[in-house]
Amino acid sequence: MKQLRFGLFENAQANDSGTATWRHPDNRRDQFDTLAYWRDIARMSEEADFDFVFLADAWGWADVNGQRPEICSVEGLDLPRLDPTIVGAAMVAETDRLGVVMTGSILLEQPYAFARRMASLDQLSGGRIGWNVVTTGTAETAVQAFGVPMVPHDERYRMADDFMQVVYKLWEGAWEPGALERDKQGRFADPTKVHRIAHDGPYFRSHGYGNTAYTPQGTPVLFQAGASPAGRAFGGRHGECMFVGSGSAEQLGEHSRAIRAEAAASGRSADDVKVMSAFACVVGRTIEDARRKYERVLDSQDPGVAVASYAWFTGLDLSSYAPETPMTELHTELSQTQVARFAGQTVGDVLKDWHAHGVGARPVIGTPEDVADVICDLADRADLDGFLLSPVIQPGSTLDFIEHVLPILRERGVASPGGDEGTLRERLMGKGSPTLGDRHPAAAARPAVSAA
């Protein structure tokens, strides 16, 4: 079996994944707005030799019939939250090897400013930055806040393609590697390696010089999680690390094959894309002990959160439908992934499932050996390259995984023994690959190599 890579899912707010478990006595997520919390998460993750921490984000908020439900404020469901790039910068300062992946929306960001922000972080971190490319702010409320029109689902991916062309030109074409000489007896930069970019696309225009020089990775590592046909096609063209939701080995294997086929169809190798699955677990000394721990988590959450939470992600108010309504009758222009995953189920089924784990992975409940067995089985049968650990309770769930499951995976040779160095791209893709390969579409933005 291949050696797996591991990331930790986090979110700079009191709750994540559409659930509200902040009341649980062992949950420290209510301290998300303190620097001490993020220092502890960063140090814990680096000491465990996780490859990266993944910072999710959303601009929108829950909206049911034009109003934000009171339960959202009572339970800290969607607001307040912090900017993931600021949190990421704080985590970078506390670590030496840990990668930090931040979410950014092509619908709500301007490519020129966004390119500078990410390049600055990649430079200061020594090449440890990744970008989770999303095409919306989760809810239509986000576009209302920004005063921009909502763009239909598939068109957002065409918009994303145009956005990518701009940032590729800025990251890969504006400054060549080695342009900065810093020679006090000569010159600071070689002008033959500094280039003006020009882009006139259907959605974005940019002319001028890049604000930042070439960074250790050039382009940050590109993460993406679109599950729709348009999302998979986009991921096949651009993504380096594709996230798939939880599910059976058969379901995950189908996703993995489809993603790799899209990469091959785009002229890339199927191995150019790493496929990682969301994963959650509740670990106990015995399975009965693990089940009791999980019941305490479920009891800490108000069931009324599920309606508001699902509306936040999809724009659909499930309380306005009869429980027996098939999900196939519902449609949204927002997160179609969160409708498609419930095909064959009813509205009542969804509310029950959503209360348990929201948009996150259904947790594996059992002993450390049980959890390790499931990880190995899924990775082998679904051709996965790694997992994104989504803690049920933070930091307790993560510490349980680190202390009890990770050693078993290392004994079996499927987890890195630790101490990995290099850029985030090298950790995920292999040594000697700090920048994107020539098969990636970003390579087309690179200028011809300057003469010596």
Protein backbone atom coordinates (compact mmCIF):
# COMPACT_ATOMS: atom_id res chain seq x y z
CA MET A 1 0.00 0.00 0.00
CA LYS A 2 1.20 3.54 -0.78
CA GLN A 3 2.27 5.85 2.03
CA LEU A 4 -0.66 8.06 2.93
CA ARG A 5 -0.67 11.80 3.59
CA PHE A 6 -2.73 13.44 6.35
CA GLY A 7 -4.22 16.86 6.85
CA LEU A 8 -6.27 18.35 9.69
CA PHE A 9 -9.54 20.13 8.93
CA GLU A 10 -10.11 23.36 10.86
CA ASN A 11 -12.41 26.36 10.65
CA ALA A 12 -11.89 29.77 12.24
CA GLN A 13 -15.24 29.85 14.03
CA ALA A 14 -16.88 28.23 17.05
CA ASN A 15 -18.37 25.33 15.06
CA ASP A 16 -17.74 23.71 11.71
CA SER A 17 -19.26 21.37 9.15
CA GLY A 18 -22.76 22.70 9.85
CA THR A 19 -22.97 21.29 13.36
CA ALA A 20 -22.91 23.13 16.70
CA THR A 21 -21.11 21.10 19.36
CA TRP A 22 -19.36 23.98 21.14
CA ARG A 23 -21.24 23.19 24.38
CA HIS A 24 -19.43 19.86 24.78
CA PRO A 25 -17.21 20.19 27.88
CA ASP A 26 -14.11 18.92 26.04
CA ASN A 27 -14.52 21.21 23.03
CA ARG A 28 -12.19 24.23 22.93
CA ARG A 29 -13.47 25.58 19.63
CA ASP A 30 -15.33 28.33 21.48
CA GLN A 31 -11.85 29.89 21.88
CA PHE A 32 -11.33 30.13 18.11
CA ASP A 33 -10.82 33.89 18.31
CA THR A 34 -7.75 33.69 20.56
CA LEU A 35 -4.18 33.44 19.36
CA ALA A 36 -3.48 30.82 22.03
CA TYR A 37 -5.96 28.39 20.43
CA TRP A 38 -4.29 28.56 17.02
CA ARG A 39 -0.80 28.32 18.49
CA ASP A 40 -1.83 25.10 20.23
CA ILE A 41 -3.42 23.66 17.06
CA ALA A 42 -0.35 24.54 14.99
CA ARG A 43 2.10 23.02 17.47
CA MET A 44 -0.02 19.90 17.95
CA SER A 45 -0.24 19.37 14.18
CA GLU A 46 3.46 19.88 13.56
CA GLU A 47 4.50 17.61 16.41
CA ALA A 48 2.20 14.91 14.99
CA ASP A 49 3.79 15.41 11.54
CA PHE A 50 0.53 16.17 9.79
CA ASP A 51 1.29 17.43 6.30
CA PHE A 52 -1.02 20.42 6.58
CA VAL A 53 -3.85 22.14 8.38
CA PHE A 54 -6.78 22.94 6.11
CA LEU A 55 -8.64 26.16 6.97
CA ALA A 56 -12.17 26.10 5.59
CA ASP A 57 -14.09 29.34 5.13
CA ALA A 58 -17.38 30.84 4.01
CA TRP A 59 -18.56 34.40 3.56
CA GLY A 60 -22.26 33.72 3.89
CA TRP A 61 -24.58 32.90 6.74
CA ALA A 62 -27.68 30.83 7.33
CA ASP A 63 -30.78 32.35 5.78
CA VAL A 64 -34.24 30.83 6.13
CA ASN A 65 -37.08 32.71 4.44
CA GLY A 66 -35.03 35.89 4.29
CA GLN A 67 -33.97 35.88 7.95
CA ARG A 68 -31.04 34.54 9.93
CA PRO A 69 -32.59 32.18 12.49
CA GLU A 70 -32.03 33.13 16.13
CA ILE A 71 -30.65 29.68 16.82
CA CYS A 72 -27.58 30.61 14.76
CA SER A 73 -26.58 33.29 17.26
CA VAL A 74 -27.61 31.19 20.25
CA GLU A 75 -25.48 28.25 19.08
CA GLY A 76 -22.69 30.11 17.24
CA LEU A 77 -23.50 28.26 14.04
CA ASP A 78 -22.20 30.48 11.23
CA LEU A 79 -21.00 33.77 12.70
CA PRO A 80 -18.69 35.18 13.89
CA ARG A 81 -15.58 33.88 12.14
CA LEU A 82 -12.04 35.00 11.35
CA ASP A 83 -10.20 35.50 8.07
CA PRO A 84 -8.35 32.23 7.30
CA THR A 85 -5.35 34.03 5.76
CA ILE A 86 -4.74 35.91 9.00
CA VAL A 87 -5.11 32.73 11.02
CA GLY A 88 -2.84 30.95 8.54
CA ALA A 89 -0.16 33.60 8.93
CA ALA A 90 -0.25 33.14 12.69
CA MET A 91 0.12 29.36 12.31
CA VAL A 92 3.03 29.73 9.89
CA ALA A 93 4.88 31.80 12.49
CA GLU A 94 4.53 28.98 15.05
CA THR A 95 5.79 26.17 12.81
CA ASP A 96 8.70 25.18 10.58
CA ARG A 97 7.38 22.30 8.46
CA LEU A 98 3.57 22.31 8.66
CA GLY A 99 1.67 23.22 5.50
CA VAL A 100 -1.29 25.63 5.76
CA VAL A 101 -4.11 25.48 3.21
CA MET A 102 -6.53 28.41 3.00
CA THR A 103 -9.87 28.72 1.29
CA GLY A 104 -10.47 31.52 -1.23
CA SER A 105 -13.50 32.19 -3.43
CA ILE A 106 -13.07 33.14 -7.09
CA LEU A 107 -16.53 34.72 -7.03
CA LEU A 108 -15.75 37.12 -4.21
CA GLU A 109 -12.01 37.80 -4.56
CA GLN A 110 -10.12 39.99 -7.03
CA PRO A 111 -7.35 37.92 -8.64
CA TYR A 112 -4.63 40.59 -8.51
CA ALA A 113 -5.02 41.23 -4.77
CA PHE A 114 -5.54 37.55 -3.99
CA ALA A 115 -2.40 36.56 -5.89
CA ARG A 116 -0.30 38.97 -3.83
CA ARG A 117 -1.78 37.75 -0.53
CA MET A 118 -1.09 34.09 -1.25
CA ALA A 119 2.36 34.74 -2.71
CA SER A 120 3.29 36.76 0.38
CA LEU A 121 2.34 33.84 2.62
CA ASP A 122 4.17 31.32 0.44
CA GLN A 123 7.30 33.49 0.56
CA LEU A 124 7.25 34.03 4.32
CA SER A 125 6.49 30.37 5.05
CA GLY A 126 9.26 29.03 2.82
CA GLY A 127 6.79 27.33 0.49
CA ARG A 128 4.20 25.82 2.83
CA ILE A 129 0.99 27.34 1.45
CA GLY A 130 -1.96 25.77 -0.34
CA TRP A 131 -5.14 27.26 -1.78
CA ASN A 132 -8.52 25.55 -1.55
CA VAL A 133 -10.25 26.88 -4.67
CA VAL A 134 -13.98 27.43 -4.17
CA THR A 135 -16.42 29.01 -6.58
CA THR A 136 -18.86 30.60 -4.15
CA GLY A 137 -19.14 31.93 -0.63
CA THR A 138 -21.40 29.03 0.43
CA ALA A 139 -24.66 30.98 0.42
CA GLU A 140 -26.47 33.58 -1.64
CA THR A 141 -26.20 35.84 1.41
CA ALA A 142 -22.52 36.28 0.56
CA VAL A 143 -23.19 37.86 -2.81
CA GLN A 144 -25.77 40.10 -1.18
CA ALA A 145 -23.13 41.30 1.26
CA PHE A 146 -20.66 41.97 -1.56
CA GLY A 147 -23.27 43.55 -3.80
CA VAL A 148 -22.50 41.26 -6.72
CA PRO A 149 -24.93 39.12 -8.72
CA MET A 150 -25.22 35.41 -8.08
CA VAL A 151 -23.68 33.43 -10.93
CA PRO A 152 -25.20 30.04 -11.93
CA HIS A 153 -23.32 26.96 -10.78
CA ASP A 154 -21.66 25.80 -14.02
CA GLU A 155 -20.87 29.35 -15.12
CA ARG A 156 -18.93 29.85 -11.88
CA TYR A 157 -16.52 27.16 -13.04
CA ARG A 158 -16.03 28.98 -16.35
CA MET A 159 -15.40 32.08 -14.25
CA ALA A 160 -12.93 30.08 -12.15
CA ASP A 161 -10.98 29.06 -15.26
CA ASP A 162 -10.58 32.73 -16.16
CA PHE A 163 -9.54 33.59 -12.58
CA MET A 164 -6.89 30.87 -12.70
CA GLN A 165 -5.40 32.26 -15.90
CA VAL A 166 -4.85 35.63 -14.21
CA VAL A 167 -3.21 34.26 -11.07
CA TYR A 168 -1.05 31.85 -13.11
CA LYS A 169 0.30 34.78 -15.07
CA LEU A 170 1.06 36.62 -11.84
CA TRP A 171 2.58 33.66 -10.00
CA GLU A 172 4.40 31.98 -12.88
CA GLY A 173 4.91 34.64 -15.56
CA ALA A 174 5.49 38.03 -13.96
CA TRP A 175 8.76 37.19 -12.20
CA GLU A 176 11.13 34.40 -13.14
CA PRO A 177 12.91 32.32 -10.52
CA GLY A 178 16.22 33.96 -9.72
CA ALA A 179 15.09 37.44 -10.72
CA LEU A 180 16.11 38.81 -7.32
CA GLU A 181 19.92 39.18 -7.04
CA ARG A 182 20.14 41.45 -3.97
CA ASP A 183 23.68 42.43 -4.96
CA LYS A 184 24.57 45.68 -3.19
CA GLN A 185 27.43 46.20 -5.62
CA GLY A 186 25.24 45.49 -8.62
CA ARG A 187 21.46 45.31 -8.86
CA PHE A 188 18.56 44.19 -6.75
CA ALA A 189 16.67 42.47 -9.59
CA ASP A 190 17.45 41.42 -13.15
CA PRO A 191 15.10 43.44 -15.38
CA THR A 192 15.21 40.77 -18.11
CA LYS A 193 13.45 38.42 -15.67
CA VAL A 194 10.62 40.79 -14.75
CA HIS A 195 7.68 40.79 -17.16
CA ARG A 196 4.49 42.71 -17.74
CA ILE A 197 1.36 40.56 -17.87
CA ALA A 198 -1.74 41.12 -19.95
CA HIS A 199 -5.06 39.37 -19.52
CA ASP A 200 -8.38 40.19 -21.13
CA GLY A 201 -10.76 37.38 -20.31
CA PRO A 202 -14.52 37.00 -20.29
CA TYR A 203 -14.68 37.79 -16.54
CA PHE A 204 -11.37 39.35 -15.46
CA ARG A 205 -8.87 41.86 -16.86
CA SER A 206 -5.38 42.56 -15.54
CA HIS A 207 -2.46 44.47 -17.07
CA GLY A 208 0.81 45.36 -15.41
CA TYR A 209 3.51 43.90 -13.21
CA GLY A 210 3.12 41.34 -10.48
CA ASN A 211 3.34 42.68 -6.94
CA THR A 212 5.44 39.80 -5.62
CA ALA A 213 8.51 37.97 -6.91
CA TYR A 214 8.64 34.23 -7.61
CA THR A 215 8.04 32.27 -4.41
CA PRO A 216 9.43 28.89 -3.27
CA GLN A 217 6.46 27.08 -4.87
CA GLY A 218 5.55 29.62 -7.54
CA THR A 219 1.87 28.68 -7.47
CA PRO A 220 0.54 27.54 -4.06
CA VAL A 221 -0.54 23.90 -3.96
CA LEU A 222 -4.02 23.77 -5.51
CA PHE A 223 -6.77 22.01 -3.57
CA GLN A 224 -10.33 21.55 -4.80
CA ALA A 225 -13.44 19.63 -3.76
CA GLY A 226 -16.06 20.04 -6.48
CA ALA A 227 -18.19 16.90 -6.89
CA SER A 228 -20.45 18.03 -9.74
CA PRO A 229 -19.46 17.22 -13.35
CA ALA A 230 -18.29 20.83 -13.79
CA GLY A 231 -16.36 20.66 -10.52
CA ARG A 232 -14.64 17.41 -11.45
CA ALA A 233 -13.67 18.77 -14.86
CA PHE A 234 -12.22 21.88 -13.23
CA GLY A 235 -10.33 19.76 -10.71
CA GLY A 236 -8.96 17.56 -13.46
CA ARG A 237 -7.55 20.61 -15.23
CA HIS A 238 -6.20 22.52 -12.27
CA GLY A 239 -6.29 20.56 -9.01
CA GLU A 240 -3.31 18.88 -7.39
CA CYS A 241 -5.13 17.58 -4.34
CA MET A 242 -8.82 16.74 -4.68
CA PHE A 243 -11.01 16.16 -1.65
CA VAL A 244 -13.88 13.71 -1.75
CA GLY A 245 -16.47 13.28 0.97
CA SER A 246 -16.81 10.24 3.16
CA GLY A 247 -18.55 7.11 1.95
CA SER A 248 -18.08 3.45 1.14
CA ALA A 249 -15.00 2.19 -0.62
CA GLU A 250 -17.12 1.68 -3.73
CA GLN A 251 -18.39 5.28 -3.68
CA LEU A 252 -14.98 6.74 -2.99
CA GLY A 253 -13.39 4.55 -5.64
CA GLU A 254 -15.86 5.84 -8.22
CA HIS A 255 -14.97 9.43 -7.30
CA SER A 256 -11.26 8.67 -7.43
CA ARG A 257 -11.47 7.06 -10.86
CA ALA A 258 -13.57 9.93 -12.23
CA ILE A 259 -11.13 12.56 -10.94
CA ARG A 260 -8.08 10.79 -12.35
CA ALA A 261 -9.88 10.30 -15.68
CA GLU A 262 -10.55 14.06 -15.84
CA ALA A 263 -6.86 14.74 -15.22
CA ALA A 264 -5.87 12.39 -18.03
CA ALA A 265 -8.45 13.98 -20.33
CA SER A 266 -6.78 17.34 -19.65
CA GLY A 267 -3.39 16.08 -20.79
CA ARG A 268 -2.07 15.40 -17.32
CA SER A 269 -1.12 12.14 -15.68
CA ALA A 270 -3.68 10.43 -13.48
CA ASP A 271 -1.04 10.53 -10.72
CA ASP A 272 -0.73 14.32 -10.99
CA VAL A 273 -3.83 14.56 -8.79
CA LYS A 274 -3.80 13.27 -5.22
CA VAL A 275 -7.20 12.16 -3.97
CA MET A 276 -7.91 12.57 -0.26
CA SER A 277 -11.06 11.61 1.60
CA ALA A 278 -12.69 13.35 4.52
CA PHE A 279 -12.40 11.20 7.63
CA ALA A 280 -13.74 11.44 11.17
CA CYS A 281 -13.49 9.04 14.06
CA VAL A 282 -14.45 8.56 17.68
CA VAL A 283 -11.87 6.38 19.40
CA GLY A 284 -12.48 4.42 22.60
CA ARG A 285 -10.83 1.65 24.57
CA THR A 286 -13.70 -0.56 23.42
CA ILE A 287 -16.40 -0.04 20.82
CA GLU A 288 -18.92 0.46 23.64
CA ASP A 289 -16.72 3.18 25.12
CA ALA A 290 -16.46 4.88 21.69
CA ARG A 291 -20.23 4.75 21.21
CA ARG A 292 -20.82 6.38 24.60
CA LYS A 293 -18.39 9.16 23.67
CA TYR A 294 -20.22 9.79 20.42
CA GLU A 295 -23.63 9.87 22.11
CA ARG A 296 -22.34 12.61 24.41
CA VAL A 297 -21.33 14.60 21.33
CA LEU A 298 -24.79 14.23 19.75
CA ASP A 299 -26.50 15.16 23.02
CA SER A 300 -24.51 18.40 23.14
CA GLN A 301 -26.18 19.73 19.97
CA ASP A 302 -29.65 21.25 19.52
CA PRO A 303 -31.54 19.37 16.73
CA GLY A 304 -32.91 22.71 15.52
CA VAL A 305 -29.45 23.56 14.20
CA ALA A 306 -29.87 21.14 11.29
CA VAL A 307 -32.54 23.16 9.42
CA ALA A 308 -30.62 26.44 9.63
CA SER A 309 -27.33 24.75 8.85
CA TYR A 310 -28.57 22.97 5.73
CA ALA A 311 -30.08 26.23 4.48
CA TRP A 312 -26.71 27.92 5.00
CA PHE A 313 -24.95 25.47 2.72
CA THR A 314 -27.62 25.04 0.07
CA GLY A 315 -30.19 27.84 0.30
CA LEU A 316 -32.87 25.19 0.86
CA ASP A 317 -35.24 25.44 3.83
CA LEU A 318 -36.00 21.79 4.54
CA SER A 319 -38.60 22.75 7.16
CA SER A 320 -40.88 23.86 4.30
CA TYR A 321 -41.00 20.34 2.83
CA ALA A 322 -42.79 17.27 4.11
CA PRO A 323 -40.35 14.77 5.68
CA GLU A 324 -41.17 12.16 3.02
CA THR A 325 -40.22 14.51 0.12
CA PRO A 326 -37.55 12.87 -2.08
CA MET A 327 -34.35 14.92 -2.26
CA THR A 328 -34.35 14.43 -6.03
CA GLU A 329 -37.23 16.93 -6.20
CA LEU A 330 -35.07 19.72 -4.74
CA HIS A 331 -32.72 21.99 -6.71
CA THR A 332 -30.26 24.73 -5.81
CA GLU A 333 -27.66 26.86 -7.58
CA LEU A 334 -25.47 26.80 -4.47
CA SER A 335 -23.78 23.66 -3.15
CA GLN A 336 -25.17 20.96 -5.41
CA THR A 337 -22.76 18.53 -3.73
CA GLN A 338 -24.88 18.71 -0.57
CA VAL A 339 -28.01 17.76 -2.51
CA ALA A 340 -26.45 15.11 -4.74
CA ARG A 341 -24.94 13.24 -1.78
CA PHE A 342 -28.47 12.49 -0.52
CA ALA A 343 -29.85 11.06 -3.76
CA GLY A 344 -32.37 8.34 -2.97
CA GLN A 345 -33.16 9.78 0.47
CA THR A 346 -35.93 11.96 1.84
CA VAL A 347 -35.95 15.33 3.58
CA GLY A 348 -36.50 13.56 6.91
CA ASP A 349 -33.48 11.32 6.29
CA VAL A 350 -31.33 14.34 5.56
CA LEU A 351 -32.27 16.24 8.71
CA LYS A 352 -31.42 13.22 10.85
CA ASP A 353 -28.12 12.67 9.07
CA TRP A 354 -27.24 16.37 9.12
CA HIS A 355 -27.79 16.59 12.88
CA ALA A 356 -25.22 13.83 13.33
CA HIS A 357 -22.37 15.27 11.26
CA GLY A 358 -23.55 18.06 8.96
CA VAL A 359 -21.41 18.47 5.86
CA GLY A 360 -18.61 16.52 7.53
CA ALA A 361 -17.72 12.86 7.39
CA ARG A 362 -19.79 10.28 9.24
CA PRO A 363 -17.39 9.21 12.00
CA VAL A 364 -15.95 5.75 12.32
CA ILE A 365 -16.65 4.61 15.88
CA GLY A 366 -14.41 2.00 17.48
CA THR A 367 -11.07 1.05 18.94
CA PRO A 368 -7.76 2.37 17.53
CA GLU A 369 -7.29 -0.89 15.61
CA ASP A 370 -10.81 -0.62 14.19
CA VAL A 371 -10.16 2.91 12.95
CA ALA A 372 -6.78 1.99 11.46
CA ASP A 373 -8.36 -0.99 9.68
CA VAL A 374 -11.00 1.24 8.07
CA ILE A 375 -8.37 3.76 6.90
CA CYS A 376 -6.24 1.06 5.31
CA ASP A 377 -9.23 -0.64 3.69
CA LEU A 378 -10.59 2.60 2.21
CA ALA A 379 -7.19 3.71 0.94
CA ASP A 380 -6.51 0.36 -0.72
CA ARG A 381 -9.90 -0.30 -2.28
CA ALA A 382 -10.67 3.29 -3.33
CA ASP A 383 -7.15 4.20 -4.50
CA LEU A 384 -6.86 7.10 -2.05
CA ASP A 385 -3.67 9.07 -1.42
CA GLY A 386 -4.58 10.31 2.04
CA PHE A 387 -7.18 11.62 4.45
CA LEU A 388 -8.39 14.92 5.82
CA LEU A 389 -9.09 14.36 9.50
CA SER A 390 -12.23 16.21 10.63
CA PRO A 391 -12.29 16.28 14.44
CA VAL A 392 -15.64 15.59 16.06
CA ILE A 393 -14.43 17.49 19.15
CA GLN A 394 -11.34 19.67 19.05
CA PRO A 395 -8.72 19.02 20.28
CA GLY A 396 -9.87 15.78 21.92
CA SER A 397 -10.66 13.89 18.70
CA THR A 398 -7.39 14.95 17.11
CA LEU A 399 -5.34 13.95 20.14
CA ASP A 400 -7.07 10.55 20.23
CA PHE A 401 -6.11 10.02 16.59
CA ILE A 402 -2.53 11.18 17.12
CA GLU A 403 -1.94 9.18 20.28
CA HIS A 404 -3.77 5.96 19.47
CA VAL A 405 -4.37 5.55 15.72
CA LEU A 406 -1.39 7.19 14.05
CA PRO A 407 1.18 4.92 15.77
CA ILE A 408 -0.64 1.87 14.39
CA LEU A 409 -0.62 3.33 10.88
CA ARG A 410 3.11 4.01 11.19
CA GLU A 411 3.76 0.47 12.38
CA ARG A 412 1.97 -0.76 9.26
CA GLY A 413 4.08 1.52 7.06
CA VAL A 414 1.13 3.44 5.62
CA ALA A 415 1.82 6.73 7.45
CA SER A 416 5.04 8.70 7.24
CA PRO A 417 7.43 8.01 10.13
CA GLY A 418 7.72 11.78 10.55
CA GLY A 419 10.33 14.45 10.07
CA ASP A 420 9.41 15.18 6.43
CA GLU A 421 11.03 18.34 5.09
CA GLY A 422 10.56 20.51 2.02
CA THR A 423 7.72 22.53 0.58
CA LEU A 424 4.10 21.49 0.93
CA ARG A 425 4.11 20.40 -2.71
CA GLU A 426 7.13 18.17 -2.09
CA ARG A 427 5.47 16.58 0.91
CA LEU A 428 2.38 15.76 -1.14
CA MET A 429 3.87 15.12 -4.59
CA GLY A 430 7.38 13.90 -3.85
CA LYS A 431 10.86 15.27 -3.35
CA GLY A 432 12.31 17.48 -6.02
CA SER A 433 8.97 18.96 -7.06
CA PRO A 434 8.61 22.32 -5.29
CA THR A 435 6.93 23.92 -8.32
CA LEU A 436 4.22 22.80 -10.73
CA GLY A 437 5.19 20.36 -13.45
CA ASP A 438 5.17 21.12 -17.15
CA ARG A 439 1.91 19.22 -17.73
CA HIS A 440 -0.03 21.63 -15.53
CA PRO A 441 -1.84 24.47 -17.34
CA ALA A 442 -0.01 27.03 -15.18
CA ALA A 443 3.21 26.14 -17.01
CA ALA A 444 1.85 27.88 -20.12
CA ALA A 445 2.07 31.20 -18.25
CA ARG A 446 5.82 30.92 -17.79
CA PRO A 447 7.98 33.12 -20.03
CA ALA A 448 10.70 31.67 -22.22
CA VAL A 449 13.80 31.09 -20.11
CA SER A 450 15.94 34.24 -20.13
CA ALA A 451 19.37 33.99 -21.67
CA ALA A 452 22.23 33.74 -19.19
